[in-house]
């Protein structure tokens, strides 16, 4: 691990950060490390979102029945998992 030092921090800023750390039951060091980690995570997520390309999926089906069949299949599988093979009630 490396040590990071920040010079010329105004007393008011240091005091405000120390109060926030104390309110969370953390040392100032632990609090600042958590802040830096959240910032790094946010930067990583922002970079991912900037560069992410959604997968190319071909939705150009000519037969609407394919979609209906897929929905019915997924519903049957869901019912099997949740109902344990008990057929759903029909009206």
C-alpha atoms as a PDB file:
ATOM      1  CA  UNK A   1       0.000   0.000   0.000  1.00  0.00           C
ATOM      2  CA  UNK A   2       1.013   3.568  -0.522  1.00  0.00           C
ATOM      3  CA  UNK A   3       0.579   6.603   1.673  1.00  0.00           C
ATOM      4  CA  UNK A   4      -1.155   9.683   0.295  1.00  0.00           C
ATOM      5  CA  UNK A   5      -0.539  13.060   1.848  1.00  0.00           C
ATOM      6  CA  UNK A   6      -2.596  16.162   1.156  1.00  0.00           C
ATOM      7  CA  UNK A   7      -1.022  19.488   2.035  1.00  0.00           C
ATOM      8  CA  UNK A   8      -2.650  22.824   2.830  1.00  0.00           C
ATOM      9  CA  UNK A   9      -6.018  21.446   3.947  1.00  0.00           C
ATOM     10  CA  UNK A  10      -7.966  24.279   5.590  1.00  0.00           C
ATOM     11  CA  UNK A  11      -8.693  23.720   9.284  1.00  0.00           C
ATOM     12  CA  UNK A  12     -12.438  24.098   8.703  1.00  0.00           C
ATOM     13  CA  UNK A  13     -12.398  21.335   6.096  1.00  0.00           C
ATOM     14  CA  UNK A  14     -10.367  19.014   8.289  1.00  0.00           C
ATOM     15  CA  UNK A  15     -12.712  19.683  11.227  1.00  0.00           C
ATOM     16  CA  UNK A  16     -15.815  18.995   9.115  1.00  0.00           C
ATOM     17  CA  UNK A  17     -14.352  15.717   7.866  1.00  0.00           C
ATOM     18  CA  UNK A  18     -13.341  14.722  11.388  1.00  0.00           C
ATOM     19  CA  UNK A  19     -16.901  15.392  12.607  1.00  0.00           C
ATOM     20  CA  UNK A  20     -18.341  13.256   9.820  1.00  0.00           C
ATOM     21  CA  UNK A  21     -15.911  10.448  10.636  1.00  0.00           C
ATOM     22  CA  UNK A  22     -16.744  10.620  14.336  1.00  0.00           C
ATOM     23  CA  UNK A  23     -20.485  10.585  13.598  1.00  0.00           C
ATOM     24  CA  UNK A  24     -19.946   7.345  11.675  1.00  0.00           C
ATOM     25  CA  UNK A  25     -17.787   5.858  14.410  1.00  0.00           C
ATOM     26  CA  UNK A  26     -14.693   5.859  12.210  1.00  0.00           C
ATOM     27  CA  UNK A  27     -11.252   7.282  12.439  1.00  0.00           C
ATOM     28  CA  UNK A  28     -10.530  10.131  10.078  1.00  0.00           C
ATOM     29  CA  UNK A  29      -8.165   7.862   8.157  1.00  0.00           C
ATOM     30  CA  UNK A  30     -10.787   5.113   7.726  1.00  0.00           C
ATOM     31  CA  UNK A  31     -13.407   7.673   6.736  1.00  0.00           C
ATOM     32  CA  UNK A  32     -11.160   9.306   4.122  1.00  0.00           C
ATOM     33  CA  UNK A  33     -10.103   5.924   2.757  1.00  0.00           C
ATOM     34  CA  UNK A  34     -13.775   4.975   2.335  1.00  0.00           C
ATOM     35  CA  UNK A  35     -14.427   8.283   0.545  1.00  0.00           C
ATOM     36  CA  UNK A  36     -11.531   7.655  -1.814  1.00  0.00           C
ATOM     37  CA  UNK A  37     -12.738   4.113  -2.470  1.00  0.00           C
ATOM     38  CA  UNK A  38     -16.256   5.316  -3.320  1.00  0.00           C
ATOM     39  CA  UNK A  39     -14.805   7.934  -5.670  1.00  0.00           C
ATOM     40  CA  UNK A  40     -12.598   5.340  -7.388  1.00  0.00           C
ATOM     41  CA  UNK A  41     -15.575   2.987  -7.729  1.00  0.00           C
ATOM     42  CA  UNK A  42     -17.697   5.763  -9.232  1.00  0.00           C
ATOM     43  CA  UNK A  43     -14.936   6.628 -11.698  1.00  0.00           C
ATOM     44  CA  UNK A  44     -14.625   2.955 -12.651  1.00  0.00           C
ATOM     45  CA  UNK A  45     -18.391   2.684 -13.174  1.00  0.00           C
ATOM     46  CA  UNK A  46     -18.456   5.886 -15.233  1.00  0.00           C
ATOM     47  CA  UNK A  47     -15.657   4.573 -17.439  1.00  0.00           C
ATOM     48  CA  UNK A  48     -17.497   1.283 -17.909  1.00  0.00           C
ATOM     49  CA  UNK A  49     -20.679   3.107 -18.915  1.00  0.00           C
ATOM     50  CA  UNK A  50     -18.759   5.297 -21.371  1.00  0.00           C
ATOM     51  CA  UNK A  51     -17.186   2.294 -23.086  1.00  0.00           C
ATOM     52  CA  UNK A  52     -19.886  -0.390 -22.773  1.00  0.00           C
ATOM     53  CA  UNK A  53     -21.509  -1.568 -25.967  1.00  0.00           C
ATOM     54  CA  UNK A  54     -24.716  -3.530 -25.627  1.00  0.00           C
ATOM     55  CA  UNK A  55     -24.703  -6.944 -27.270  1.00  0.00           C
ATOM     56  CA  UNK A  56     -26.132  -7.098 -30.743  1.00  0.00           C
ATOM     57  CA  UNK A  57     -29.291  -9.174 -30.608  1.00  0.00           C
ATOM     58  CA  UNK A  58     -31.333  -9.977 -33.684  1.00  0.00           C
ATOM     59  CA  UNK A  59     -34.951  -9.253 -32.833  1.00  0.00           C
ATOM     60  CA  UNK A  60     -36.086  -9.453 -36.444  1.00  0.00           C
ATOM     61  CA  UNK A  61     -38.235 -12.554 -36.085  1.00  0.00           C
ATOM     62  CA  UNK A  62     -40.740 -13.121 -38.819  1.00  0.00           C
ATOM     63  CA  UNK A  63     -43.014 -15.317 -36.739  1.00  0.00           C
ATOM     64  CA  UNK A  64     -44.817 -13.739 -33.762  1.00  0.00           C
ATOM     65  CA  UNK A  65     -45.544 -17.247 -32.495  1.00  0.00           C
ATOM     66  CA  UNK A  66     -41.855 -17.636 -31.602  1.00  0.00           C
ATOM     67  CA  UNK A  67     -42.213 -14.863 -29.022  1.00  0.00           C
ATOM     68  CA  UNK A  68     -45.448 -16.314 -27.685  1.00  0.00           C
ATOM     69  CA  UNK A  69     -43.870 -19.769 -27.441  1.00  0.00           C
ATOM     70  CA  UNK A  70     -40.851 -18.365 -25.570  1.00  0.00           C
ATOM     71  CA  UNK A  71     -43.093 -16.539 -23.094  1.00  0.00           C
ATOM     72  CA  UNK A  72     -45.180 -19.645 -22.477  1.00  0.00           C
ATOM     73  CA  UNK A  73     -42.051 -21.762 -22.019  1.00  0.00           C
ATOM     74  CA  UNK A  74     -40.609 -19.307 -19.509  1.00  0.00           C
ATOM     75  CA  UNK A  75     -43.902 -19.239 -17.614  1.00  0.00           C
ATOM     76  CA  UNK A  76     -44.000 -23.046 -17.457  1.00  0.00           C
ATOM     77  CA  UNK A  77     -40.424 -23.136 -16.155  1.00  0.00           C
ATOM     78  CA  UNK A  78     -41.232 -20.457 -13.589  1.00  0.00           C
ATOM     79  CA  UNK A  79     -44.329 -22.333 -12.441  1.00  0.00           C
ATOM     80  CA  UNK A  80     -42.334 -25.541 -12.172  1.00  0.00           C
ATOM     81  CA  UNK A  81     -39.776 -23.809  -9.953  1.00  0.00           C
ATOM     82  CA  UNK A  82     -42.250 -21.936  -7.780  1.00  0.00           C
ATOM     83  CA  UNK A  83     -45.129 -24.398  -7.603  1.00  0.00           C
ATOM     84  CA  UNK A  84     -43.078 -27.573  -7.629  1.00  0.00           C
ATOM     85  CA  UNK A  85     -44.982 -29.101 -10.515  1.00  0.00           C
ATOM     86  CA  UNK A  86     -48.457 -28.256  -9.188  1.00  0.00           C
ATOM     87  CA  UNK A  87     -50.473 -27.169 -12.211  1.00  0.00           C
ATOM     88  CA  UNK A  88     -51.795 -23.616 -11.939  1.00  0.00           C
ATOM     89  CA  UNK A  89     -55.523 -23.187 -11.358  1.00  0.00           C
ATOM     90  CA  UNK A  90     -57.562 -22.447 -14.445  1.00  0.00           C
ATOM     91  CA  UNK A  91     -60.864 -20.610 -14.440  1.00  0.00           C
END
